[in-house]
Amino acid sequence: MVDAELEKVVARDSQGRRSTGRERQSEIFVGGLSGQEGLVPTDMQRLEARAKEVMNREAFSYVAGGAGMERSMAANRQGFERWGIAQRMLRDVSQRDTSVELFGHTYDSPFLLAPVGVMEMAHPEADIATARAAASENIPMIFSSQASRPMEECASVMGTSPRWFQLYWSVSNDLVTSLIRRAEKSGCQAIVVTLDTTLLGWRPRDLDLSYLPFLRGKGIAQYTSDPVFQRLLREKNSEESEVDSDRKINLSTLRVLMELAGNYPDNFLRSLTSGEPLAAVRKFIGIYSRPSLTWDDLSFLRDLTDLPIVLKGIMHPEDARLAVEHGMDGIVVSNHGGRQVDGGMGSIEMLPAIADAVGGQLEILFDSGIRTGADAFKALALGASAVLLGRPYVYALALGGYEGVAELLRNFKADFDLTMGLSGYRNISEITDSALIERSLVRETEKL
């Protein structure tokens, strides 16, 4: 009898009569009555621990690791503790709207999937599984430049669901142009330029394993599928490569050559004998990123596309002001999940000052450290219009593929919806800095 009554609750929720949060809770509890368990834990620490059990050592280290002693990673999480949510009571929150508008498009929730490279390390279906999950939950996916599957393949499984493209600015502007044109044809609604990875950060977890996936042909599908990259590959490479062609041949190098051939988008035997996979890796290493990039280069991209341009990696108020001056449409406050610089500030710590510097002149998105609906609520209250999810969905991908990611996204949306309602807010426009209290101020008040 109880089972039947709860089924009715779910049915009512599915007709839109109740909030997303209550619907998701009912779904989980009803599933428990028939012995069903979720594919992914709702607790983020358990999620990471479970993912570590199923991923190989190199894959987990690459995803979970950060720069140096991982102090920037720690700062991302610790920074959220500075603020507490000021819950308000006796407000009618029976109807809630979690939608946001970005660059003329309305999205159902304030979440986007951050660009994450080399997802094949988590699951064989990689970006395709993630794209399907994002489309099923109508959450924008930001295609990574370092993807395991070409953007066109991801777009083909998403229908009309929203997608953006993240650009690593190559030393070849011809390649940049080609990638942008492909993104436009793939229906991307914005271009996200990652600024903080012109050089690779010092990551001890990867260094101690002597493992970089790109050197094995992983995460370079956007390049090997690109006509300009293929043209550059055929041309004589006069640039010095970081991949040693004179390395001694042993069992380990033979395994790597087999792996390269298997990852290359061509017949395995032909790839194994042609040498193209290794040549592609060398070319990629030589041109994927431009350390000499400056603010003046942005005019090239601005002239190239009418799509909104968002700069990812802004961690200083002055850089936010420069983004406004150079005609950018948005920024992502992000320290790359703590993967690039050790000992830096946490992203959430810098968000208020950056929001003040921008003064509403462009859209602010937030990345690095989001693990709960409460985290998202705090970021929105401190000035962000939306937040990016990163590591959690990769862990969900490792545990359950497409269904795992979709389940994680439903959980995030439900958690945020309930946090918003229980705090006394009906829509995101009501979530301002007045929704938070700085804990140090409370302690100072108690002393008085």
Protein backbone atom coordinates (compact mmCIF):
# COMPACT_ATOMS: atom_id res chain seq x y z
CA MET A 1 0.00 0.00 0.00
CA VAL A 2 2.78 2.40 0.91
CA ASP A 3 4.55 1.49 -2.33
CA ALA A 4 1.45 2.38 -4.35
CA GLU A 5 1.05 5.71 -2.57
CA LEU A 6 4.66 6.68 -3.23
CA GLU A 7 4.25 5.69 -6.88
CA LYS A 8 1.41 8.21 -7.04
CA VAL A 9 3.71 10.89 -5.65
CA VAL A 10 6.22 10.21 -8.41
CA ALA A 11 3.47 10.28 -11.01
CA ARG A 12 2.27 13.67 -9.75
CA ASP A 13 5.83 14.98 -9.75
CA SER A 14 6.45 13.78 -13.31
CA GLN A 15 3.52 15.89 -14.45
CA GLY A 16 5.29 18.99 -13.18
CA ARG A 17 3.01 19.52 -10.15
CA ARG A 18 5.90 19.37 -7.73
CA SER A 19 9.46 20.53 -7.69
CA THR A 20 12.37 18.77 -9.30
CA GLY A 21 13.90 18.19 -5.88
CA ARG A 22 10.88 16.41 -4.45
CA GLU A 23 10.46 14.42 -7.64
CA ARG A 24 14.04 13.16 -7.46
CA GLN A 25 13.75 12.32 -3.77
CA SER A 26 10.57 10.35 -4.42
CA GLU A 27 12.23 8.50 -7.28
CA ILE A 28 15.13 7.45 -5.06
CA PHE A 29 12.95 6.37 -2.14
CA VAL A 30 10.48 4.45 -4.29
CA GLY A 31 13.38 2.69 -5.98
CA GLY A 32 14.64 1.63 -2.58
CA LEU A 33 11.37 -0.17 -1.85
CA SER A 34 12.10 -2.54 -4.73
CA GLY A 35 15.75 -2.94 -3.83
CA GLN A 36 17.11 -0.51 -6.41
CA GLU A 37 20.26 1.42 -5.58
CA GLY A 38 21.56 4.44 -7.39
CA LEU A 39 24.39 4.09 -9.85
CA VAL A 40 26.24 6.95 -8.20
CA PRO A 41 26.40 7.97 -4.53
CA THR A 42 24.80 11.29 -3.63
CA ASP A 43 27.68 11.90 -1.21
CA MET A 44 30.56 13.39 -3.20
CA GLN A 45 33.30 11.88 -1.06
CA ARG A 46 31.84 8.41 -1.56
CA LEU A 47 31.46 9.14 -5.27
CA GLU A 48 35.18 9.87 -5.59
CA ALA A 49 36.11 6.83 -3.52
CA ARG A 50 33.92 4.55 -5.64
CA ALA A 51 35.39 5.97 -8.84
CA LYS A 52 38.90 5.31 -7.55
CA GLU A 53 37.96 1.65 -7.14
CA VAL A 54 36.91 1.23 -10.78
CA MET A 55 39.40 3.49 -12.58
CA ASN A 56 42.97 2.42 -13.22
CA ARG A 57 45.72 4.18 -11.30
CA GLU A 58 46.83 6.44 -14.16
CA ALA A 59 43.29 7.50 -15.04
CA PHE A 60 42.25 8.32 -11.48
CA SER A 61 45.47 10.21 -10.79
CA TYR A 62 45.01 12.29 -13.93
CA VAL A 63 41.43 13.26 -13.04
CA ALA A 64 41.77 13.65 -9.28
CA GLY A 65 45.19 15.24 -9.10
CA GLY A 66 46.21 18.85 -8.82
CA ALA A 67 49.32 20.99 -9.02
CA GLY A 68 52.12 20.68 -6.48
CA MET A 69 50.93 19.89 -2.97
CA GLU A 70 47.35 20.43 -4.17
CA ARG A 71 46.88 23.46 -1.94
CA SER A 72 44.88 25.28 -4.61
CA MET A 73 42.55 22.30 -4.81
CA ALA A 74 42.10 22.42 -1.05
CA ALA A 75 41.51 26.18 -1.16
CA ASN A 76 38.69 25.67 -3.66
CA ARG A 77 36.76 23.58 -1.16
CA GLN A 78 37.77 25.40 2.00
CA GLY A 79 36.76 28.74 0.51
CA PHE A 80 33.09 27.81 0.58
CA GLU A 81 33.22 27.57 4.37
CA ARG A 82 33.76 31.31 4.68
CA TRP A 83 30.09 31.93 3.95
CA GLY A 84 26.93 30.46 5.43
CA ILE A 85 23.48 30.53 3.87
CA ALA A 86 21.09 32.87 5.68
CA GLN A 87 17.87 30.84 5.62
CA ARG A 88 14.61 32.80 5.53
CA MET A 89 11.26 31.42 6.68
CA LEU A 90 7.54 31.84 5.89
CA ARG A 91 8.02 32.68 2.26
CA ASP A 92 5.89 30.96 -0.33
CA VAL A 93 8.33 28.62 -2.07
CA SER A 94 5.77 26.15 -3.34
CA GLN A 95 6.66 27.10 -6.92
CA ARG A 96 10.32 27.55 -7.80
CA ASP A 97 12.13 28.45 -10.99
CA THR A 98 15.78 27.39 -11.32
CA SER A 99 16.21 28.60 -14.91
CA VAL A 100 18.92 31.02 -16.01
CA GLU A 101 19.48 33.06 -19.14
CA LEU A 102 22.91 33.22 -20.72
CA PHE A 103 23.65 35.05 -23.97
CA GLY A 104 20.00 35.05 -25.04
CA HIS A 105 19.41 31.37 -24.29
CA THR A 106 17.34 30.09 -21.38
CA TYR A 107 18.58 26.99 -19.57
CA ASP A 108 16.57 24.93 -17.10
CA SER A 109 19.16 25.06 -14.33
CA PRO A 110 22.32 27.03 -13.45
CA PHE A 111 24.61 24.10 -14.30
CA LEU A 112 26.91 23.48 -17.26
CA LEU A 113 29.31 20.61 -17.80
CA ALA A 114 32.86 21.93 -17.70
CA PRO A 115 35.20 20.97 -20.56
CA VAL A 116 37.06 17.86 -19.46
CA GLY A 117 39.65 16.18 -21.64
CA VAL A 118 40.52 12.53 -22.15
CA MET A 119 37.22 11.15 -20.88
CA GLU A 120 38.07 7.80 -22.46
CA MET A 121 40.19 7.28 -19.34
CA ALA A 122 36.94 7.09 -17.36
CA HIS A 123 34.68 5.18 -19.78
CA PRO A 124 34.95 3.77 -23.32
CA GLU A 125 32.01 5.88 -24.56
CA ALA A 126 33.75 8.98 -23.21
CA ASP A 127 32.35 12.27 -24.55
CA ILE A 128 29.49 10.53 -26.35
CA ALA A 129 28.06 9.18 -23.10
CA THR A 130 28.45 12.58 -21.46
CA ALA A 131 26.80 14.35 -24.39
CA ARG A 132 23.82 11.99 -24.24
CA ALA A 133 23.47 12.57 -20.51
CA ALA A 134 23.73 16.35 -20.85
CA ALA A 135 21.06 16.30 -23.57
CA SER A 136 18.77 14.08 -21.50
CA GLU A 137 18.87 16.63 -18.67
CA ASN A 138 18.99 19.69 -20.96
CA ILE A 139 22.24 20.88 -19.39
CA PRO A 140 24.77 22.59 -21.69
CA MET A 141 27.91 20.57 -22.34
CA ILE A 142 31.12 22.42 -23.13
CA PHE A 143 33.01 20.32 -25.67
CA SER A 144 36.69 20.07 -24.77
CA SER A 145 39.54 20.75 -27.18
CA GLN A 146 41.17 17.69 -25.62
CA ALA A 147 38.18 15.45 -26.23
CA SER A 148 38.28 11.73 -26.89
CA ARG A 149 35.56 12.04 -29.55
CA PRO A 150 35.14 14.74 -32.23
CA MET A 151 32.63 17.48 -31.51
CA GLU A 152 30.53 16.47 -34.51
CA GLU A 153 29.92 13.01 -33.06
CA CYS A 154 28.84 14.52 -29.75
CA ALA A 155 26.55 17.03 -31.44
CA SER A 156 24.91 14.22 -33.43
CA VAL A 157 23.58 12.56 -30.25
CA MET A 158 22.41 15.80 -28.61
CA GLY A 159 19.65 16.88 -30.96
CA THR A 160 18.80 20.51 -30.25
CA SER A 161 20.15 20.42 -26.69
CA PRO A 162 22.62 23.21 -25.86
CA ARG A 163 26.37 22.84 -26.30
CA TRP A 164 29.39 25.18 -26.19
CA PHE A 165 32.98 24.70 -27.34
CA GLN A 166 36.17 25.20 -25.34
CA LEU A 167 39.24 26.35 -27.26
CA TYR A 168 42.88 25.82 -26.44
CA TRP A 169 44.48 28.50 -28.59
CA SER A 170 46.94 26.78 -30.92
CA VAL A 171 50.12 28.30 -32.33
CA SER A 172 48.37 27.85 -35.69
CA ASN A 173 45.64 30.42 -36.27
CA ASP A 174 44.52 28.33 -39.24
CA LEU A 175 43.77 25.52 -36.81
CA VAL A 176 42.00 27.92 -34.45
CA THR A 177 39.85 29.09 -37.35
CA SER A 178 39.02 25.52 -38.34
CA LEU A 179 38.03 24.54 -34.81
CA ILE A 180 35.79 27.59 -34.45
CA ARG A 181 34.09 26.95 -37.80
CA ARG A 182 33.46 23.33 -36.79
CA ALA A 183 32.00 24.50 -33.47
CA GLU A 184 29.66 26.84 -35.29
CA LYS A 185 28.52 24.08 -37.64
CA SER A 186 28.04 21.77 -34.67
CA GLY A 187 25.53 24.17 -33.16
CA CYS A 188 27.66 25.50 -30.32
CA GLN A 189 26.17 28.55 -28.65
CA ALA A 190 29.38 30.04 -27.22
CA ILE A 191 33.17 29.77 -27.36
CA VAL A 192 35.07 29.29 -24.09
CA VAL A 193 38.77 30.17 -24.34
CA THR A 194 40.85 28.50 -21.64
CA LEU A 195 43.66 30.90 -20.68
CA ASP A 196 45.37 29.13 -17.79
CA THR A 197 46.83 26.12 -19.63
CA THR A 198 49.26 27.67 -22.08
CA LEU A 199 51.78 25.56 -20.14
CA LEU A 200 51.10 22.32 -18.29
CA GLY A 201 51.11 22.63 -14.51
CA TRP A 202 53.48 20.64 -12.30
CA ARG A 203 51.32 17.65 -11.31
CA PRO A 204 53.17 15.19 -9.07
CA ARG A 205 50.56 12.43 -9.31
CA ASP A 206 51.05 12.23 -13.08
CA LEU A 207 54.79 12.87 -12.94
CA ASP A 208 55.39 10.09 -10.43
CA LEU A 209 53.59 7.68 -12.76
CA SER A 210 55.44 9.12 -15.79
CA TYR A 211 52.07 9.26 -17.49
CA LEU A 212 50.61 11.84 -19.87
CA PRO A 213 47.65 10.51 -21.87
CA PHE A 214 48.25 12.73 -24.92
CA LEU A 215 51.58 11.02 -25.58
CA ARG A 216 49.61 7.81 -26.04
CA GLY A 217 47.22 9.33 -28.53
CA LYS A 218 44.41 9.89 -26.03
CA GLY A 219 42.43 13.14 -25.90
CA ILE A 220 43.44 14.44 -29.33
CA ALA A 221 40.32 13.52 -31.32
CA GLN A 222 39.45 17.16 -32.09
CA TYR A 223 42.84 17.42 -33.79
CA THR A 224 43.06 14.14 -35.69
CA SER A 225 39.55 14.79 -37.04
CA ASP A 226 40.42 18.31 -38.18
CA PRO A 227 41.28 18.97 -41.86
CA VAL A 228 43.76 21.74 -41.03
CA PHE A 229 45.55 19.56 -38.50
CA GLN A 230 45.74 16.78 -41.07
CA ARG A 231 47.18 19.24 -43.57
CA LEU A 232 49.77 20.41 -41.05
CA LEU A 233 50.57 16.80 -40.29
CA ARG A 234 51.44 16.16 -43.92
CA GLU A 235 53.73 19.16 -44.05
CA LYS A 236 57.32 18.77 -42.90
CA ASN A 237 57.52 19.58 -39.21
CA SER A 238 60.43 21.94 -38.67
CA GLU A 239 59.52 22.54 -35.02
CA GLU A 240 61.40 20.75 -32.29
CA SER A 241 59.28 18.04 -30.72
CA GLU A 242 59.16 17.03 -27.07
CA VAL A 243 58.69 13.40 -28.13
CA ASP A 244 62.05 11.66 -28.59
CA SER A 245 62.13 9.73 -31.87
CA ASP A 246 65.42 8.05 -30.91
CA ARG A 247 64.05 6.37 -27.82
CA LYS A 248 65.14 2.74 -27.37
CA ILE A 249 62.64 0.10 -28.41
CA ASN A 250 61.62 -2.27 -25.62
CA LEU A 251 58.46 -4.01 -24.42
CA SER A 252 57.09 -0.81 -22.90
CA THR A 253 57.57 1.27 -26.04
CA LEU A 254 56.01 -1.46 -28.15
CA ARG A 255 52.94 -1.40 -25.91
CA VAL A 256 52.74 2.36 -26.34
CA LEU A 257 52.97 2.03 -30.13
CA MET A 258 50.13 -0.48 -30.03
CA GLU A 259 48.12 1.91 -27.87
CA LEU A 260 48.80 4.79 -30.25
CA ALA A 261 47.61 2.74 -33.21
CA GLY A 262 44.49 1.70 -31.35
CA ASN A 263 43.61 5.28 -30.48
CA TYR A 264 44.18 6.67 -33.97
CA PRO A 265 41.07 7.06 -36.19
CA ASP A 266 42.24 4.67 -38.90
CA ASN A 267 42.64 0.98 -39.61
CA PHE A 268 44.70 -0.51 -36.79
CA LEU A 269 47.24 -2.32 -38.96
CA ARG A 270 47.72 0.67 -41.24
CA SER A 271 48.13 2.94 -38.24
CA LEU A 272 50.64 0.56 -36.72
CA THR A 273 52.82 0.53 -39.83
CA SER A 274 52.32 4.07 -41.18
CA GLY A 275 53.77 5.98 -38.24
CA GLU A 276 50.93 8.52 -38.46
CA PRO A 277 49.77 8.09 -34.84
CA LEU A 278 53.19 9.01 -33.47
CA ALA A 279 53.51 11.85 -35.97
CA ALA A 280 50.09 13.15 -34.85
CA VAL A 281 51.16 13.14 -31.22
CA ARG A 282 54.36 15.02 -32.07
CA LYS A 283 52.42 17.59 -34.08
CA PHE A 284 49.85 17.98 -31.32
CA ILE A 285 52.52 18.55 -28.65
CA GLY A 286 54.18 21.14 -30.87
CA ILE A 287 51.13 23.25 -31.69
CA TYR A 288 48.24 22.66 -29.27
CA SER A 289 48.91 25.70 -27.06
CA ARG A 290 50.40 29.18 -27.43
CA PRO A 291 52.29 30.49 -24.36
CA SER A 292 52.83 33.83 -26.12
CA LEU A 293 49.09 34.61 -26.14
CA THR A 294 48.23 38.18 -25.03
CA TRP A 295 45.14 40.35 -24.70
CA ASP A 296 45.84 41.81 -28.13
CA ASP A 297 45.27 38.39 -29.73
CA LEU A 298 41.63 38.38 -28.67
CA SER A 299 40.71 40.73 -31.53
CA PHE A 300 41.49 37.88 -33.96
CA LEU A 301 38.89 35.69 -32.31
CA ARG A 302 36.41 38.54 -31.97
CA ASP A 303 36.63 39.15 -35.73
CA LEU A 304 36.40 35.42 -36.44
CA THR A 305 33.02 34.64 -34.88
CA ASP A 306 29.76 36.23 -33.82
CA LEU A 307 29.32 33.67 -31.05
CA PRO A 308 29.70 34.90 -27.47
CA ILE A 309 33.31 34.59 -26.26
CA VAL A 310 33.91 33.55 -22.66
CA LEU A 311 37.38 33.67 -21.07
CA LYS A 312 38.02 30.78 -18.66
CA GLY A 313 40.68 31.07 -15.98
CA ILE A 314 40.07 34.61 -14.69
CA MET A 315 41.32 34.88 -11.10
CA HIS A 316 42.07 38.59 -10.69
CA PRO A 317 39.77 41.65 -10.75
CA GLU A 318 42.07 43.52 -13.13
CA ASP A 319 41.90 40.68 -15.66
CA ALA A 320 38.12 40.79 -15.38
CA ARG A 321 38.18 44.51 -16.21
CA LEU A 322 40.48 43.81 -19.16
CA ALA A 323 38.01 41.23 -20.43
CA VAL A 324 35.35 43.94 -20.46
CA GLU A 325 37.69 46.38 -22.23
CA HIS A 326 38.46 43.83 -24.94
CA GLY A 327 34.84 43.21 -25.77
CA MET A 328 34.46 39.77 -24.26
CA ASP A 329 30.98 38.50 -23.45
CA GLY A 330 31.73 36.50 -20.34
CA ILE A 331 34.34 35.06 -18.02
CA VAL A 332 34.72 31.90 -15.96
CA VAL A 333 36.21 32.47 -12.54
CA SER A 334 38.37 29.36 -12.32
CA ASN A 335 41.77 28.09 -11.23
CA HIS A 336 41.36 24.98 -13.40
CA GLY A 337 40.29 22.90 -10.45
CA GLY A 338 43.64 23.55 -8.78
CA ARG A 339 45.44 21.65 -11.54
CA GLN A 340 47.72 24.42 -12.77
CA VAL A 341 49.21 26.52 -9.96
CA ASP A 342 49.89 25.29 -6.44
CA GLY A 343 49.30 27.67 -3.55
CA GLY A 344 46.89 29.94 -5.42
CA MET A 345 43.67 31.42 -4.15
CA GLY A 346 40.51 29.37 -4.23
CA SER A 347 38.16 30.36 -7.02
CA ILE A 348 35.26 31.12 -4.65
CA GLU A 349 37.53 33.41 -2.63
CA MET A 350 38.13 35.62 -5.68
CA LEU A 351 34.57 35.64 -7.00
CA PRO A 352 33.19 38.60 -4.97
CA ALA A 353 36.02 40.98 -5.92
CA ILE A 354 35.81 39.93 -9.57
CA ALA A 355 32.05 40.43 -9.61
CA ASP A 356 32.52 43.92 -8.16
CA ALA A 357 35.14 44.73 -10.82
CA VAL A 358 32.86 43.61 -13.64
CA GLY A 359 29.83 45.46 -12.37
CA GLY A 360 27.39 43.48 -14.48
CA GLN A 361 29.08 44.36 -17.78
CA LEU A 362 29.52 40.71 -18.77
CA GLU A 363 28.35 37.28 -17.68
CA ILE A 364 30.24 35.60 -14.86
CA LEU A 365 30.38 31.83 -14.63
CA PHE A 366 32.07 29.93 -11.85
CA ASP A 367 34.21 26.79 -11.87
CA SER A 368 36.41 24.84 -9.44
CA GLY A 369 35.11 23.14 -6.33
CA ILE A 370 31.35 22.80 -6.87
CA ARG A 371 30.27 19.61 -5.08
CA THR A 372 26.75 20.33 -3.79
CA GLY A 373 23.65 22.39 -4.44
CA ALA A 374 24.67 24.59 -1.52
CA ASP A 375 28.00 25.31 -3.24
CA ALA A 376 26.15 26.39 -6.38
CA PHE A 377 23.81 28.56 -4.30
CA LYS A 378 26.76 30.34 -2.66
CA ALA A 379 28.49 30.95 -6.00
CA LEU A 380 25.32 32.48 -7.45
CA ALA A 381 24.87 34.65 -4.37
CA LEU A 382 28.45 35.93 -4.74
CA GLY A 383 27.97 37.05 -8.33
CA ALA A 384 27.97 34.08 -10.71
CA SER A 385 25.18 33.55 -13.24
CA ALA A 386 25.84 29.80 -13.49
CA VAL A 387 28.35 27.19 -12.37
CA LEU A 388 30.38 24.47 -14.10
CA LEU A 389 30.55 20.88 -12.89
CA GLY A 390 33.83 19.06 -13.46
CA ARG A 391 35.32 16.10 -11.60
CA PRO A 392 32.02 14.80 -10.15
CA TYR A 393 30.55 13.98 -13.54
CA VAL A 394 33.76 12.26 -14.64
CA TYR A 395 33.53 10.02 -11.57
CA ALA A 396 29.88 9.33 -12.39
CA LEU A 397 30.91 8.50 -15.96
CA ALA A 398 33.42 5.96 -14.64
CA LEU A 399 30.78 4.32 -12.46
CA GLY A 400 27.82 4.23 -14.81
CA GLY A 401 28.55 5.68 -18.23
CA TYR A 402 25.70 7.70 -19.73
CA GLU A 403 23.23 6.65 -17.03
CA GLY A 404 25.70 7.50 -14.28
CA VAL A 405 26.22 11.04 -15.56
CA ALA A 406 22.48 11.57 -16.10
CA GLU A 407 21.77 10.40 -12.56
CA LEU A 408 24.42 12.71 -11.12
CA LEU A 409 22.94 15.68 -12.98
CA ARG A 410 19.45 14.89 -11.69
CA ASN A 411 20.89 14.76 -8.17
CA PHE A 412 22.64 18.12 -8.55
CA LYS A 413 19.49 19.77 -9.88
CA ALA A 414 17.40 18.31 -7.07
CA ASP A 415 19.91 19.31 -4.39
CA PHE A 416 20.06 22.87 -5.68
CA ASP A 417 16.28 23.16 -6.03
CA LEU A 418 15.72 22.00 -2.45
CA THR A 419 18.51 24.21 -1.09
CA MET A 420 16.99 27.22 -2.83
CA GLY A 421 13.47 26.49 -1.58
CA LEU A 422 14.44 25.62 1.98
CA SER A 423 16.47 28.84 2.17
CA GLY A 424 13.41 30.86 1.18
CA TYR A 425 14.07 31.68 -2.49
CA ARG A 426 11.75 31.09 -5.44
CA ASN A 427 14.05 31.94 -8.32
CA ILE A 428 17.68 32.62 -9.01
CA SER A 429 17.25 36.37 -9.43
CA GLU A 430 16.40 36.55 -5.72
CA ILE A 431 19.72 34.93 -4.74
CA THR A 432 22.04 37.86 -3.99
CA ASP A 433 24.83 38.47 -1.50
CA SER A 434 22.18 39.16 1.15
CA ALA A 435 21.45 35.42 1.07
CA LEU A 436 24.82 34.76 2.72
CA ILE A 437 26.45 35.68 6.00
CA GLU A 438 30.21 35.77 6.42
CA ARG A 439 31.04 33.49 9.33
CA SER A 440 33.79 35.74 10.68
CA LEU A 441 31.28 38.58 11.02
CA VAL A 442 29.01 36.37 13.08
CA ARG A 443 31.87 35.52 15.40
CA GLU A 444 32.79 39.21 15.75
CA THR A 445 29.16 40.03 16.59
CA GLU A 446 29.09 37.33 19.27
CA LYS A 447 32.06 39.01 20.96
CA LEU A 448 30.21 42.29 21.34
